Protein backbone atom coordinates (compact mmCIF):
# COMPACT_ATOMS: atom_id res chain seq x y z
CA UNK A 1 31.98 -56.77 -47.45
CA UNK A 2 29.05 -56.41 -45.11
CA UNK A 3 29.33 -57.87 -41.56
CA UNK A 4 26.25 -59.72 -41.89
CA UNK A 5 24.71 -60.78 -45.20
CA UNK A 6 20.96 -61.27 -45.59
CA UNK A 7 19.02 -62.95 -48.06
CA UNK A 8 16.13 -61.15 -49.81
CA UNK A 9 13.46 -62.75 -47.57
CA UNK A 10 15.22 -61.65 -44.44
CA UNK A 11 15.58 -58.07 -45.74
CA UNK A 12 11.93 -57.95 -46.52
CA UNK A 13 11.10 -59.41 -43.04
CA UNK A 14 13.19 -56.64 -41.50
CA UNK A 15 11.74 -53.99 -43.60
CA UNK A 16 8.32 -55.27 -42.72
CA UNK A 17 9.27 -55.31 -38.98
CA UNK A 18 10.48 -51.52 -39.24
CA UNK A 19 7.37 -50.51 -41.05
CA UNK A 20 5.10 -52.05 -38.48
CA UNK A 21 7.16 -50.53 -35.55
CA UNK A 22 7.07 -47.22 -37.18
CA UNK A 23 3.28 -47.58 -37.43
CA UNK A 24 2.74 -48.72 -33.72
CA UNK A 25 4.98 -45.66 -32.78
CA UNK A 26 2.87 -43.22 -34.71
CA UNK A 27 -0.35 -44.74 -33.02
CA UNK A 28 1.19 -44.55 -29.58
CA UNK A 29 2.31 -40.81 -30.11
CA UNK A 30 -1.21 -40.08 -31.30
CA UNK A 31 -2.67 -41.68 -28.14
CA UNK A 32 -0.06 -39.66 -26.18
CA UNK A 33 -1.05 -36.41 -27.68
CA UNK A 34 -4.84 -37.36 -26.95
CA UNK A 35 -4.00 -38.15 -23.50
CA UNK A 36 -2.16 -34.95 -22.97
CA UNK A 37 -5.20 -33.14 -24.26
CA UNK A 38 -7.39 -35.02 -21.98
CA UNK A 39 -4.98 -34.16 -18.95
CA UNK A 40 -5.18 -30.49 -19.76
CA UNK A 41 -8.89 -30.67 -19.76
CA UNK A 42 -9.05 -32.46 -16.66
CA UNK A 43 -6.67 -29.82 -14.90
CA UNK A 44 -9.17 -27.17 -16.05
CA UNK A 45 -12.06 -28.95 -14.78
CA UNK A 46 -10.13 -29.49 -11.49
CA UNK A 47 -9.50 -25.84 -10.89
CA UNK A 48 -13.09 -24.88 -11.68
CA UNK A 49 -14.26 -27.53 -9.14
CA UNK A 50 -11.77 -26.50 -6.63
CA UNK A 51 -13.03 -22.86 -6.97
CA UNK A 52 -16.53 -24.19 -6.53
CA UNK A 53 -15.72 -26.28 -3.49
CA UNK A 54 -13.80 -23.32 -1.99
CA UNK A 55 -16.84 -21.11 -2.49
CA UNK A 56 -19.13 -23.79 -0.80
CA UNK A 57 -16.68 -24.25 2.09
CA UNK A 58 -16.80 -20.29 2.57
CA UNK A 59 -20.44 -20.52 2.59
CA UNK A 60 -20.60 -23.30 5.00
CA UNK A 61 -18.17 -21.82 7.51
CA UNK A 62 -20.27 -18.49 7.37
CA UNK A 63 -23.49 -20.63 8.09
CA UNK A 64 -21.57 -22.55 10.95
CA UNK A 65 -20.44 -19.22 12.46
CA UNK A 66 -23.94 -17.83 12.05
CA UNK A 67 -25.33 -20.87 13.98
CA UNK A 68 -22.65 -20.51 16.57
CA UNK A 69 -23.64 -17.12 17.23
CA UNK A 70 -27.30 -18.18 18.16
CA UNK A 71 -30.19 -16.25 19.35
CA UNK A 72 -28.11 -13.72 21.21
CA UNK A 73 -26.83 -12.38 17.78
CA UNK A 74 -27.47 -8.67 17.13
CA UNK A 75 -27.51 -7.56 13.51
CA UNK A 76 -24.27 -5.77 12.67
CA UNK A 77 -24.00 -2.77 10.42
CA UNK A 78 -21.60 -2.98 7.47
CA UNK A 79 -19.26 -0.56 9.37
CA UNK A 80 -19.11 -2.96 12.36
CA UNK A 81 -17.92 -5.68 9.78
CA UNK A 82 -15.00 -4.04 8.33
CA UNK A 83 -11.73 -5.71 9.05
CA UNK A 84 -9.55 -4.46 11.73
CA UNK A 85 -7.11 -2.64 9.58
CA UNK A 86 -9.93 -0.47 8.15
CA UNK A 87 -11.61 0.25 11.57
CA UNK A 88 -12.15 4.05 12.10
CA UNK A 89 -11.98 4.97 8.24
CA UNK A 90 -14.87 6.23 6.23
CA UNK A 91 -16.22 3.58 3.68
CA UNK A 92 -15.03 5.77 0.63
CA UNK A 93 -11.64 6.13 2.03
CA UNK A 94 -11.44 2.32 2.48
CA UNK A 95 -12.66 1.77 -1.04
CA UNK A 96 -10.17 4.14 -2.42
CA UNK A 97 -7.36 2.51 -0.50
CA UNK A 98 -8.00 -0.86 -1.66
CA UNK A 99 -8.53 0.20 -5.23
CA UNK A 100 -5.08 1.96 -5.13
CA UNK A 101 -3.30 -1.01 -3.32
CA UNK A 102 -4.59 -3.62 -5.66
CA UNK A 103 -4.08 -1.72 -8.90
CA UNK A 104 -6.55 -3.49 -10.80
CA UNK A 105 -10.17 -3.76 -11.84
CA UNK A 106 -12.41 -5.25 -8.95
CA UNK A 107 -16.19 -5.90 -8.51
CA UNK A 108 -18.14 -4.89 -5.59
CA UNK A 109 -18.09 -8.67 -4.54
CA UNK A 110 -14.37 -8.87 -4.66
CA UNK A 111 -13.90 -5.60 -2.82
CA UNK A 112 -16.40 -6.65 -0.15
CA UNK A 113 -14.43 -9.98 0.27
CA UNK A 114 -11.43 -7.76 1.02
CA UNK A 115 -12.89 -5.04 3.15
CA UNK A 116 -15.53 -6.85 5.31
CA UNK A 117 -15.35 -9.79 7.80
CA UNK A 118 -18.98 -10.95 7.38
CA UNK A 119 -20.07 -13.80 9.55
CA UNK A 120 -23.03 -14.82 7.39
CA UNK A 121 -24.11 -14.82 3.74
CA UNK A 122 -26.96 -12.28 4.79
CA UNK A 123 -24.22 -10.00 6.48
CA UNK A 124 -22.15 -10.17 3.41
CA UNK A 125 -25.04 -9.25 1.06
CA UNK A 126 -25.94 -6.24 3.13
CA UNK A 127 -22.21 -5.21 3.45
CA UNK A 128 -21.79 -5.59 -0.50
CA UNK A 129 -24.99 -3.59 -1.02
CA UNK A 130 -23.80 -0.82 1.10
CA UNK A 131 -20.28 -0.76 -0.52
CA UNK A 132 -22.12 -0.86 -3.97
CA UNK A 133 -23.95 2.34 -3.12
CA UNK A 134 -20.71 4.08 -2.08
CA UNK A 135 -18.89 2.93 -5.16
CA UNK A 136 -21.53 4.34 -7.46
CA UNK A 137 -21.44 7.69 -5.57
CA UNK A 138 -17.66 7.85 -5.77
CA UNK A 139 -17.49 7.28 -9.33
CA UNK A 140 -19.79 10.26 -10.18
CA UNK A 141 -19.25 14.14 -10.01
CA UNK A 142 -16.74 16.50 -11.14
CA UNK A 143 -13.88 14.98 -9.17
CA UNK A 144 -14.60 11.22 -8.86
CA UNK A 145 -12.48 9.20 -6.42
CA UNK A 146 -12.26 6.01 -8.73
CA UNK A 147 -13.52 4.99 -12.24
CA UNK A 148 -16.45 2.79 -12.98
CA UNK A 149 -15.53 0.05 -15.51
CA UNK A 150 -18.58 -1.38 -17.37
CA UNK A 151 -21.75 -2.20 -15.20
CA UNK A 152 -20.20 -3.92 -12.31
CA UNK A 153 -16.52 -3.05 -11.84
CA UNK A 154 -14.26 -0.32 -10.47
CA UNK A 155 -10.72 0.67 -10.65
CA UNK A 156 -8.33 3.24 -9.08
CA UNK A 157 -7.83 6.47 -11.22
CA UNK A 158 -4.04 5.42 -11.12
CA UNK A 159 -4.97 2.36 -12.93
CA UNK A 160 -7.57 4.06 -15.25
CA UNK A 161 -7.16 7.72 -15.38
CA UNK A 162 -9.74 10.05 -16.99
CA UNK A 163 -10.22 9.49 -20.46
CA UNK A 164 -8.38 6.09 -20.60
CA UNK A 165 -9.99 3.34 -22.71
CA UNK A 166 -11.45 0.81 -20.47
CA UNK A 167 -12.76 -2.71 -21.53
CA UNK A 168 -16.13 -3.89 -20.53
CA UNK A 169 -15.96 -6.31 -17.44
CA UNK A 170 -18.62 -9.02 -17.78
CA UNK A 171 -21.24 -9.01 -15.15
CA UNK A 172 -20.87 -11.37 -12.34
CA UNK A 173 -23.63 -12.97 -10.45
CA UNK A 174 -23.57 -12.70 -6.64
CA UNK A 175 -23.02 -15.94 -4.89
């Protein structure tokens, strides 16, 4: 004999309550999935905005440093802007060393960020242009020092040996 006996009306009420609870549960689970998707999108947007803010902060810092230098500032050459660990080296040797150390495909902008300590955006652009010319020259000839990947990227010969297949790297606009 059952512990509790229910009449048909009570059984129907319980079945209706269970069905209603299951429906509410399904709706809440759908809402939860929707919120998870929204959170994922917001995280991606946050990362993108953080990258944008970091770039703005870097630009502002360069502008502040430029204004601190004042009128007594003399224009530096790209070789005067190289970071201390590369002082005394030729630009081609610096580029080869960085490409070998990073073991990945890098754009002239990325390489310039690594190699130079530019105080202003103008300095950075001049240094990047100087490096770009060196990169183009070093990727040509019978014994290139590195490999040109696509239109705007380079890699160490260790990463991309002669004859290796390379994938196109999308063009990056300069900041």
